[in-house]
Amino acid sequence: MIRHCIIDTNTNLVVNIIEYEAAPETPPAGFSDGIIAVVSSKASIDWTYADGVFTEPQPYPSWTLVSNVWKPPTARPSNNGWYDWDEETQAWVDAGNPKP
């Protein structure tokens, strides 16, 4: 499966995904100026494309992008528990164990 991510070059956002069973001989045609198609097996709609790299949307306003990975202001607890980020308190909250 070949995936073309359709990117709006004004915003650098992925706006659509086109999947093919086999690689087309040419990139998808019929796009207006300001739109490009880039092959990616990972990216999704609303991801950003810049300098040949796709980046997921920012999960929370307080998180920062470090080496193309979003990082929280404080590290997630390392005790293998289940935690959710609480943006209001800027802290990890114990989410308990998921149900089987």
PDB file of N, CA and C in Angstrom:
ATOM      1  N   MET A   1       0.848  -1.179   0.000  1.00  0.00           N
ATOM      2  CA  MET A   1       0.000   0.000   0.000  1.00  0.00           C
ATOM      3  C   MET A   1       0.890   1.237   0.000  1.00  0.00           C
ATOM      4  N   ILE A   2       0.627   2.145  -0.902  1.00  0.00           N
ATOM      5  CA  ILE A   2       1.351   3.413  -1.009  1.00  0.00           C
ATOM      6  C   ILE A   2       0.407   4.524  -0.562  1.00  0.00           C
ATOM      7  N   ARG A   3       0.898   5.398   0.313  1.00  0.00           N
ATOM      8  CA  ARG A   3       0.082   6.509   0.807  1.00  0.00           C
ATOM      9  C   ARG A   3       0.708   7.829   0.395  1.00  0.00           C
ATOM     10  N   HIS A   4      -0.066   8.660  -0.281  1.00  0.00           N
ATOM     11  CA  HIS A   4       0.349  10.027  -0.562  1.00  0.00           C
ATOM     12  C   HIS A   4      -0.355  10.930   0.448  1.00  0.00           C
ATOM     13  N   CYS A   5       0.434  11.715   1.163  1.00  0.00           N
ATOM     14  CA  CYS A   5      -0.114  12.727   2.057  1.00  0.00           C
ATOM     15  C   CYS A   5      -0.232  14.012   1.249  1.00  0.00           C
ATOM     16  N   ILE A   6      -1.417  14.566   1.199  1.00  0.00           N
ATOM     17  CA  ILE A   6      -1.660  15.789   0.448  1.00  0.00           C
ATOM     18  C   ILE A   6      -1.475  16.957   1.422  1.00  0.00           C
ATOM     19  N   ILE A   7      -0.526  17.841   1.096  1.00  0.00           N
ATOM     20  CA  ILE A   7      -0.104  18.892   2.017  1.00  0.00           C
ATOM     21  C   ILE A   7      -0.413  20.263   1.441  1.00  0.00           C
ATOM     22  N   ASP A   8      -1.034  21.108   2.242  1.00  0.00           N
ATOM     23  CA  ASP A   8      -1.267  22.512   1.901  1.00  0.00           C
ATOM     24  C   ASP A   8       0.022  23.261   2.222  1.00  0.00           C
ATOM     25  N   THR A   9       0.707  23.766   1.198  1.00  0.00           N
ATOM     26  CA  THR A   9       2.002  24.407   1.431  1.00  0.00           C
ATOM     27  C   THR A   9       1.889  25.774   2.111  1.00  0.00           C
ATOM     28  N   ASN A  10       0.682  26.326   2.209  1.00  0.00           N
ATOM     29  CA  ASN A  10       0.507  27.584   2.937  1.00  0.00           C
ATOM     30  C   ASN A  10       0.529  27.357   4.446  1.00  0.00           C
ATOM     31  N   THR A  11       0.007  26.206   4.888  1.00  0.00           N
ATOM     32  CA  THR A  11      -0.052  25.910   6.325  1.00  0.00           C
ATOM     33  C   THR A  11       0.887  24.780   6.725  1.00  0.00           C
ATOM     34  N   ASN A  12       1.423  24.042   5.741  1.00  0.00           N
ATOM     35  CA  ASN A  12       2.245  22.842   5.954  1.00  0.00           C
ATOM     36  C   ASN A  12       1.479  21.713   6.635  1.00  0.00           C
ATOM     37  N   LEU A  13       0.147  21.748   6.566  1.00  0.00           N
ATOM     38  CA  LEU A  13      -0.673  20.702   7.178  1.00  0.00           C
ATOM     39  C   LEU A  13      -1.075  19.652   6.158  1.00  0.00           C
ATOM     40  N   VAL A  14      -1.093  18.389   6.612  1.00  0.00           N
ATOM     41  CA  VAL A  14      -1.629  17.308   5.797  1.00  0.00           C
ATOM     42  C   VAL A  14      -3.146  17.476   5.783  1.00  0.00           C
ATOM     43  N   VAL A  15      -3.713  17.620   4.593  1.00  0.00           N
ATOM     44  CA  VAL A  15      -5.151  17.865   4.467  1.00  0.00           C
ATOM     45  C   VAL A  15      -5.925  16.668   3.929  1.00  0.00           C
ATOM     46  N   ASN A  16      -5.189  15.675   3.392  1.00  0.00           N
ATOM     47  CA  ASN A  16      -5.855  14.491   2.859  1.00  0.00           C
ATOM     48  C   ASN A  16      -4.832  13.376   2.710  1.00  0.00           C
ATOM     49  N   ILE A  17      -5.311  12.149   2.626  1.00  0.00           N
ATOM     50  CA  ILE A  17      -4.480  10.972   2.396  1.00  0.00           C
ATOM     51  C   ILE A  17      -5.093  10.206   1.220  1.00  0.00           C
ATOM     52  N   ILE A  18      -4.256   9.829   0.247  1.00  0.00           N
ATOM     53  CA  ILE A  18      -4.709   9.000  -0.868  1.00  0.00           C
ATOM     54  C   ILE A  18      -3.892   7.716  -0.814  1.00  0.00           C
ATOM     55  N   GLU A  19      -4.577   6.565  -0.795  1.00  0.00           N
ATOM     56  CA  GLU A  19      -3.894   5.272  -0.739  1.00  0.00           C
ATOM     57  C   GLU A  19      -4.034   4.533  -2.061  1.00  0.00           C
ATOM     58  N   TYR A  20      -2.952   3.850  -2.447  1.00  0.00           N
ATOM     59  CA  TYR A  20      -2.905   3.093  -3.685  1.00  0.00           C
ATOM     60  C   TYR A  20      -2.478   1.659  -3.379  1.00  0.00           C
ATOM     61  N   GLU A  21      -2.967   0.719  -4.152  1.00  0.00           N
ATOM     62  CA  GLU A  21      -2.526  -0.667  -4.022  1.00  0.00           C
ATOM     63  C   GLU A  21      -1.083  -0.812  -4.490  1.00  0.00           C
ATOM     64  N   ALA A  22      -0.731  -0.104  -5.552  1.00  0.00           N
ATOM     65  CA  ALA A  22       0.631  -0.129  -6.090  1.00  0.00           C
ATOM     66  C   ALA A  22       1.045   1.307  -6.367  1.00  0.00           C
ATOM     67  N   ALA A  23       2.327   1.535  -6.418  1.00  0.00           N
ATOM     68  CA  ALA A  23       2.834   2.893  -6.633  1.00  0.00           C
ATOM     69  C   ALA A  23       2.375   3.434  -7.982  1.00  0.00           C
ATOM     70  N   PRO A  24       1.782   4.627  -8.002  1.00  0.00           N
ATOM     71  CA  PRO A  24       1.413   5.230  -9.277  1.00  0.00           C
ATOM     72  C   PRO A  24       2.686   5.675 -10.005  1.00  0.00           C
ATOM     73  N   GLU A  25       2.592   5.800 -11.318  1.00  0.00           N
ATOM     74  CA  GLU A  25       3.770   6.217 -12.087  1.00  0.00           C
ATOM     75  C   GLU A  25       4.108   7.676 -11.856  1.00  0.00           C
ATOM     76  N   THR A  26       3.113   8.474 -11.509  1.00  0.00           N
ATOM     77  CA  THR A  26       3.335   9.893 -11.222  1.00  0.00           C
ATOM     78  C   THR A  26       2.572  10.252  -9.959  1.00  0.00           C
ATOM     79  N   PRO A  27       2.953  11.331  -9.292  1.00  0.00           N
ATOM     80  CA  PRO A  27       2.183  11.767  -8.125  1.00  0.00           C
ATOM     81  C   PRO A  27       0.751  12.109  -8.528  1.00  0.00           C
ATOM     82  N   PRO A  28      -0.163  12.147  -7.576  1.00  0.00           N
ATOM     83  CA  PRO A  28      -1.550  12.483  -7.897  1.00  0.00           C
ATOM     84  C   PRO A  28      -1.620  13.812  -8.653  1.00  0.00           C
ATOM     85  N   ALA A  29      -2.476  13.866  -9.660  1.00  0.00           N
ATOM     86  CA  ALA A  29      -2.604  15.067 -10.482  1.00  0.00           C
ATOM     87  C   ALA A  29      -3.857  15.841 -10.096  1.00  0.00           C
ATOM     88  N   GLY A  30      -3.958  17.059 -10.611  1.00  0.00           N
ATOM     89  CA  GLY A  30      -5.164  17.847 -10.446  1.00  0.00           C
ATOM     90  C   GLY A  30      -5.182  18.734  -9.226  1.00  0.00           C
ATOM     91  N   PHE A  31      -4.047  18.903  -8.560  1.00  0.00           N
ATOM     92  CA  PHE A  31      -4.021  19.765  -7.390  1.00  0.00           C
ATOM     93  C   PHE A  31      -3.686  21.190  -7.797  1.00  0.00           C
ATOM     94  N   SER A  32      -4.229  22.140  -7.070  1.00  0.00           N
ATOM     95  CA  SER A  32      -3.970  23.541  -7.366  1.00  0.00           C
ATOM     96  C   SER A  32      -2.609  23.954  -6.808  1.00  0.00           C
ATOM     97  N   ASP A  33      -2.196  25.155  -7.152  1.00  0.00           N
ATOM     98  CA  ASP A  33      -0.956  25.676  -6.580  1.00  0.00           C
ATOM     99  C   ASP A  33      -1.071  25.671  -5.062  1.00  0.00           C
ATOM    100  N   GLY A  34       0.034  25.415  -4.396  1.00  0.00           N
ATOM    101  CA  GLY A  34       0.034  25.410  -2.939  1.00  0.00           C
ATOM    102  C   GLY A  34      -0.285  24.061  -2.345  1.00  0.00           C
ATOM    103  N   ILE A  35      -0.426  23.032  -3.188  1.00  0.00           N
ATOM    104  CA  ILE A  35      -0.700  21.678  -2.705  1.00  0.00           C
ATOM    105  C   ILE A  35       0.365  20.748  -3.266  1.00  0.00           C
ATOM    106  N   ILE A  36       0.942  19.902  -2.413  1.00  0.00           N
ATOM    107  CA  ILE A  36       1.907  18.907  -2.872  1.00  0.00           C
ATOM    108  C   ILE A  36       1.505  17.542  -2.321  1.00  0.00           C
ATOM    109  N   ALA A  37       2.070  16.487  -2.908  1.00  0.00           N
ATOM    110  CA  ALA A  37       1.821  15.117  -2.451  1.00  0.00           C
ATOM    111  C   ALA A  37       3.162  14.519  -2.046  1.00  0.00           C
ATOM    112  N   VAL A  38       3.215  13.940  -0.837  1.00  0.00           N
ATOM    113  CA  VAL A  38       4.434  13.333  -0.314  1.00  0.00           C
ATOM    114  C   VAL A  38       4.092  11.931   0.177  1.00  0.00           C
ATOM    115  N   VAL A  39       4.924  10.946  -0.158  1.00  0.00           N
ATOM    116  CA  VAL A  39       4.687   9.570   0.284  1.00  0.00           C
ATOM    117  C   VAL A  39       5.061   9.434   1.756  1.00  0.00           C
ATOM    118  N   SER A  40       4.166   8.842   2.549  1.00  0.00           N
ATOM    119  CA  SER A  40       4.437   8.563   3.961  1.00  0.00           C
ATOM    120  C   SER A  40       3.527   7.441   4.432  1.00  0.00           C
ATOM    121  N   SER A  41       4.090   6.494   5.161  1.00  0.00           N
ATOM    122  CA  SER A  41       3.285   5.415   5.717  1.00  0.00           C
ATOM    123  C   SER A  41       2.793   5.760   7.119  1.00  0.00           C
ATOM    124  N   LYS A  42       3.277   6.852   7.692  1.00  0.00           N
ATOM    125  CA  LYS A  42       2.982   7.181   9.079  1.00  0.00           C
ATOM    126  C   LYS A  42       2.062   8.382   9.261  1.00  0.00           C
ATOM    127  N   ALA A  43       2.266   9.433   8.511  1.00  0.00           N
ATOM    128  CA  ALA A  43       1.566  10.685   8.745  1.00  0.00           C
ATOM    129  C   ALA A  43       0.060  10.550   8.584  1.00  0.00           C
ATOM    130  N   SER A  44      -0.660  11.447   9.230  1.00  0.00           N
ATOM    131  CA  SER A  44      -2.119  11.485   9.175  1.00  0.00           C
ATOM    132  C   SER A  44      -2.578  12.915   8.934  1.00  0.00           C
ATOM    133  N   ILE A  45      -3.866  13.064   8.685  1.00  0.00           N
ATOM    134  CA  ILE A  45      -4.454  14.391   8.497  1.00  0.00           C
ATOM    135  C   ILE A  45      -4.181  15.227   9.744  1.00  0.00           C
ATOM    136  N   ASP A  46      -3.876  16.510   9.526  1.00  0.00           N
ATOM    137  CA  ASP A  46      -3.560  17.523  10.541  1.00  0.00           C
ATOM    138  C   ASP A  46      -2.128  17.443  11.062  1.00  0.00           C
ATOM    139  N   TRP A  47      -1.327  16.500  10.571  1.00  0.00           N
ATOM    140  CA  TRP A  47       0.098  16.515  10.912  1.00  0.00           C
ATOM    141  C   TRP A  47       0.745  17.652  10.122  1.00  0.00           C
ATOM    142  N   THR A  48       1.905  18.110  10.589  1.00  0.00           N
ATOM    143  CA  THR A  48       2.657  19.166   9.924  1.00  0.00           C
ATOM    144  C   THR A  48       3.814  18.540   9.145  1.00  0.00           C
ATOM    145  N   TYR A  49       4.098  19.102   7.975  1.00  0.00           N
ATOM    146  CA  TYR A  49       5.220  18.653   7.158  1.00  0.00           C
ATOM    147  C   TYR A  49       6.164  19.827   6.952  1.00  0.00           C
ATOM    148  N   ALA A  50       7.412  19.673   7.379  1.00  0.00           N
ATOM    149  CA  ALA A  50       8.412  20.725   7.190  1.00  0.00           C
ATOM    150  C   ALA A  50       9.791  20.087   7.096  1.00  0.00           C
ATOM    151  N   ASP A  51      10.587  20.559   6.171  1.00  0.00           N
ATOM    152  CA  ASP A  51      11.962  20.089   5.996  1.00  0.00           C
ATOM    153  C   ASP A  51      12.054  18.570   5.871  1.00  0.00           C
ATOM    154  N   GLY A  52      11.062  17.962   5.182  1.00  0.00           N
ATOM    155  CA  GLY A  52      11.091  16.529   4.934  1.00  0.00           C
ATOM    156  C   GLY A  52      10.661  15.668   6.110  1.00  0.00           C
ATOM    157  N   VAL A  53      10.096  16.289   7.151  1.00  0.00           N
ATOM    158  CA  VAL A  53       9.713  15.554   8.359  1.00  0.00           C
ATOM    159  C   VAL A  53       8.245  15.824   8.680  1.00  0.00           C
ATOM    160  N   PHE A  54       7.514  14.759   9.040  1.00  0.00           N
ATOM    161  CA  PHE A  54       6.133  14.886   9.496  1.00  0.00           C
ATOM    162  C   PHE A  54       6.112  14.952  11.026  1.00  0.00           C
ATOM    163  N   THR A  55       5.276  15.832  11.578  1.00  0.00           N
ATOM    164  CA  THR A  55       5.147  15.982  13.023  1.00  0.00           C
ATOM    165  C   THR A  55       3.681  15.887  13.415  1.00  0.00           C
ATOM    166  N   GLU A  56       3.408  15.099  14.460  1.00  0.00           N
ATOM    167  CA  GLU A  56       2.045  14.990  14.973  1.00  0.00           C
ATOM    168  C   GLU A  56       1.566  16.340  15.496  1.00  0.00           C
ATOM    169  N   PRO A  57       0.237  16.546  15.575  1.00  0.00           N
ATOM    170  CA  PRO A  57      -0.267  17.779  16.174  1.00  0.00           C
ATOM    171  C   PRO A  57       0.165  17.873  17.643  1.00  0.00           C
ATOM    172  N   GLN A  58       0.332  19.081  18.115  1.00  0.00           N
ATOM    173  CA  GLN A  58       0.716  19.308  19.511  1.00  0.00           C
ATOM    174  C   GLN A  58      -0.409  18.801  20.415  1.00  0.00           C
ATOM    175  N   PRO A  59      -0.105  17.849  21.341  1.00  0.00           N
ATOM    176  CA  PRO A  59      -1.167  17.272  22.160  1.00  0.00           C
ATOM    177  C   PRO A  59      -1.736  18.229  23.198  1.00  0.00           C
ATOM    178  N   TYR A  60      -0.904  19.103  23.747  1.00  0.00           N
ATOM    179  CA  TYR A  60      -1.330  20.075  24.757  1.00  0.00           C
ATOM    180  C   TYR A  60      -0.539  21.364  24.551  1.00  0.00           C
ATOM    181  N   PRO A  61      -1.117  22.519  24.861  1.00  0.00           N
ATOM    182  CA  PRO A  61      -0.405  23.783  24.658  1.00  0.00           C
ATOM    183  C   PRO A  61       0.916  23.887  25.427  1.00  0.00           C
ATOM    184  N   SER A  62       1.034  23.229  26.549  1.00  0.00           N
ATOM    185  CA  SER A  62       2.246  23.345  27.364  1.00  0.00           C
ATOM    186  C   SER A  62       3.397  22.464  26.876  1.00  0.00           C
ATOM    187  N   TRP A  63       3.134  21.533  25.983  1.00  0.00           N
ATOM    188  CA  TRP A  63       4.170  20.614  25.515  1.00  0.00           C
ATOM    189  C   TRP A  63       5.038  21.295  24.462  1.00  0.00           C
ATOM    190  N   THR A  64       6.321  20.937  24.411  1.00  0.00           N
ATOM    191  CA  THR A  64       7.250  21.524  23.454  1.00  0.00           C
ATOM    192  C   THR A  64       7.811  20.447  22.529  1.00  0.00           C
ATOM    193  N   LEU A  65       8.172  20.868  21.330  1.00  0.00           N
ATOM    194  CA  LEU A  65       8.713  19.952  20.329  1.00  0.00           C
ATOM    195  C   LEU A  65      10.226  19.859  20.497  1.00  0.00           C
ATOM    196  N   VAL A  66      10.716  18.630  20.759  1.00  0.00           N
ATOM    197  CA  VAL A  66      12.137  18.371  20.923  1.00  0.00           C
ATOM    198  C   VAL A  66      12.499  17.208  20.009  1.00  0.00           C
ATOM    199  N   SER A  67      13.371  17.461  19.053  1.00  0.00           N
ATOM    200  CA  SER A  67      13.787  16.431  18.091  1.00  0.00           C
ATOM    201  C   SER A  67      12.591  15.717  17.472  1.00  0.00           C
ATOM    202  N   ASN A  68      11.587  16.498  17.075  1.00  0.00           N
ATOM    203  CA  ASN A  68      10.381  16.015  16.402  1.00  0.00           C
ATOM    204  C   ASN A  68       9.491  15.139  17.281  1.00  0.00           C
ATOM    205  N   VAL A  69       9.616  15.259  18.601  1.00  0.00           N
ATOM    206  CA  VAL A  69       8.764  14.535  19.548  1.00  0.00           C
ATOM    207  C   VAL A  69       8.213  15.544  20.550  1.00  0.00           C
ATOM    208  N   TRP A  70       6.891  15.507  20.782  1.00  0.00           N
ATOM    209  CA  TRP A  70       6.281  16.409  21.757  1.00  0.00           C
ATOM    210  C   TRP A  70       6.606  15.943  23.171  1.00  0.00           C
ATOM    211  N   LYS A  71       7.113  16.861  24.000  1.00  0.00           N
ATOM    212  CA  LYS A  71       7.524  16.554  25.377  1.00  0.00           C
ATOM    213  C   LYS A  71       6.706  17.370  26.364  1.00  0.00           C
ATOM    214  N   PRO A  72       6.233  16.723  27.443  1.00  0.00           N
ATOM    215  CA  PRO A  72       5.496  17.456  28.483  1.00  0.00           C
ATOM    216  C   PRO A  72       6.464  18.279  29.337  1.00  0.00           C
ATOM    217  N   PRO A  73       5.935  19.250  30.090  1.00  0.00           N
ATOM    218  CA  PRO A  73       6.795  20.059  30.953  1.00  0.00           C
ATOM    219  C   PRO A  73       7.479  19.245  32.058  1.00  0.00           C
ATOM    220  N   THR A  74       6.848  18.157  32.488  1.00  0.00           N
ATOM    221  CA  THR A  74       7.455  17.258  33.470  1.00  0.00           C
ATOM    222  C   THR A  74       7.371  15.837  32.939  1.00  0.00           C
ATOM    223  N   ALA A  75       8.380  15.057  33.257  1.00  0.00           N
ATOM    224  CA  ALA A  75       8.425  13.681  32.761  1.00  0.00           C
ATOM    225  C   ALA A  75       7.295  12.845  33.341  1.00  0.00           C
ATOM    226  N   ARG A  76       6.819  11.918  32.550  1.00  0.00           N
ATOM    227  CA  ARG A  76       5.799  10.977  33.001  1.00  0.00           C
ATOM    228  C   ARG A  76       6.398  10.108  34.110  1.00  0.00           C
ATOM    229  N   PRO A  77       5.637   9.796  35.170  1.00  0.00           N
ATOM    230  CA  PRO A  77       6.147   8.909  36.225  1.00  0.00           C
ATOM    231  C   PRO A  77       6.624   7.586  35.628  1.00  0.00           C
ATOM    232  N   SER A  78       7.686   7.060  36.174  1.00  0.00           N
ATOM    233  CA  SER A  78       8.315   5.873  35.579  1.00  0.00           C
ATOM    234  C   SER A  78       7.994   4.577  36.320  1.00  0.00           C
ATOM    235  N   ASN A  79       6.896   4.530  37.036  1.00  0.00           N
ATOM    236  CA  ASN A  79       6.567   3.320  37.802  1.00  0.00           C
ATOM    237  C   ASN A  79       5.633   2.368  37.058  1.00  0.00           C
ATOM    238  N   ASN A  80       5.530   2.516  35.730  1.00  0.00           N
ATOM    239  CA  ASN A  80       4.708   1.655  34.878  1.00  0.00           C
ATOM    240  C   ASN A  80       3.213   1.749  35.159  1.00  0.00           C
ATOM    241  N   GLY A  81       2.768   2.766  35.868  1.00  0.00           N
ATOM    242  CA  GLY A  81       1.335   2.970  36.088  1.00  0.00           C
ATOM    243  C   GLY A  81       0.694   3.625  34.869  1.00  0.00           C
ATOM    244  N   TRP A  82      -0.609   3.817  34.944  1.00  0.00           N
ATOM    245  CA  TRP A  82      -1.359   4.476  33.874  1.00  0.00           C
ATOM    246  C   TRP A  82      -1.619   5.906  34.289  1.00  0.00           C
ATOM    247  N   TYR A  83      -1.184   6.854  33.461  1.00  0.00           N
ATOM    248  CA  TYR A  83      -1.322   8.266  33.781  1.00  0.00           C
ATOM    249  C   TYR A  83      -1.885   9.034  32.598  1.00  0.00           C
ATOM    250  N   ASP A  84      -2.614  10.107  32.925  1.00  0.00           N
ATOM    251  CA  ASP A  84      -3.108  11.052  31.932  1.00  0.00           C
ATOM    252  C   ASP A  84      -2.512  12.410  32.267  1.00  0.00           C
ATOM    253  N   TRP A  85      -2.283  13.212  31.244  1.00  0.00           N
ATOM    254  CA  TRP A  85      -1.779  14.560  31.467  1.00  0.00           C
ATOM    255  C   TRP A  85      -2.942  15.482  31.754  1.00  0.00           C
ATOM    256  N   ASP A  86      -2.833  16.290  32.826  1.00  0.00           N
ATOM    257  CA  ASP A  86      -3.839  17.290  33.180  1.00  0.00           C
ATOM    258  C   ASP A  86      -3.255  18.656  32.846  1.00  0.00           C
ATOM    259  N   GLU A  87      -3.741  19.246  31.783  1.00  0.00           N
ATOM    260  CA  GLU A  87      -3.194  20.518  31.316  1.00  0.00           C
ATOM    261  C   GLU A  87      -3.436  21.641  32.321  1.00  0.00           C
ATOM    262  N   GLU A  88      -4.569  21.584  33.009  1.00  0.00           N
ATOM    263  CA  GLU A  88      -4.898  22.649  33.965  1.00  0.00           C
ATOM    264  C   GLU A  88      -3.908  22.694  35.132  1.00  0.00           C
ATOM    265  N   THR A  89      -3.549  21.530  35.668  1.00  0.00           N
ATOM    266  CA  THR A  89      -2.620  21.488  36.806  1.00  0.00           C
ATOM    267  C   THR A  89      -1.172  21.292  36.364  1.00  0.00           C
ATOM    268  N   GLN A  90      -0.973  21.053  35.064  1.00  0.00           N
ATOM    269  CA  GLN A  90       0.363  20.809  34.511  1.00  0.00           C
ATOM    270  C   GLN A  90       1.042  19.634  35.210  1.00  0.00           C
ATOM    271  N   ALA A  91       0.266  18.570  35.407  1.00  0.00           N
ATOM    272  CA  ALA A  91       0.792  17.401  36.123  1.00  0.00           C
ATOM    273  C   ALA A  91       0.183  16.121  35.569  1.00  0.00           C
ATOM    274  N   TRP A  92       0.889  15.011  35.835  1.00  0.00           N
ATOM    275  CA  TRP A  92       0.378  13.689  35.482  1.00  0.00           C
ATOM    276  C   TRP A  92      -0.579  13.235  36.570  1.00  0.00           C
ATOM    277  N   VAL A  93      -1.725  12.672  36.163  1.00  0.00           N
ATOM    278  CA  VAL A  93      -2.762  12.218  37.081  1.00  0.00           C
ATOM    279  C   VAL A  93      -2.897  10.706  36.939  1.00  0.00           C
ATOM    280  N   ASP A  94      -2.930  10.007  38.059  1.00  0.00           N
ATOM    281  CA  ASP A  94      -3.076   8.558  38.062  1.00  0.00           C
ATOM    282  C   ASP A  94      -4.410   8.194  37.430  1.00  0.00           C
ATOM    283  N   ALA A  95      -4.374   7.425  36.353  1.00  0.00           N
ATOM    284  CA  ALA A  95      -5.583   7.037  35.633  1.00  0.00           C
ATOM    285  C   ALA A  95      -6.048   5.634  36.043  1.00  0.00           C
ATOM    286  N   GLY A  96      -5.366   5.012  37.002  1.00  0.00           N
ATOM    287  CA  GLY A  96      -5.736   3.664  37.413  1.00  0.00           C
ATOM    288  C   GLY A  96      -5.355   2.656  36.359  1.00  0.00           C
ATOM    289  N   ASN A  97      -5.706   1.429  36.581  1.00  0.00           N
ATOM    290  CA  ASN A  97      -5.427   0.375  35.606  1.00  0.00           C
ATOM    291  C   ASN A  97      -6.569   0.262  34.625  1.00  0.00           C
ATOM    292  N   PRO A  98      -6.264   0.051  33.348  1.00  0.00           N
ATOM    293  CA  PRO A  98      -7.344  -0.121  32.373  1.00  0.00           C
ATOM    294  C   PRO A  98      -8.072  -1.434  32.620  1.00  0.00           C
ATOM    295  N   LYS A  99      -9.338  -1.448  32.268  1.00  0.00           N
ATOM    296  CA  LYS A  99     -10.120  -2.680  32.409  1.00  0.00           C
ATOM    297  C   LYS A  99      -9.725  -3.660  31.334  1.00  0.00           C
ATOM    298  N   PRO A 100      -9.670  -4.965  31.672  1.00  0.00           N
ATOM    299  CA  PRO A 100      -9.280  -5.970  30.665  1.00  0.00           C
ATOM    300  C   PRO A 100     -10.298  -6.096  29.551  1.00  0.00           C
TER     301      PRO A 100
END
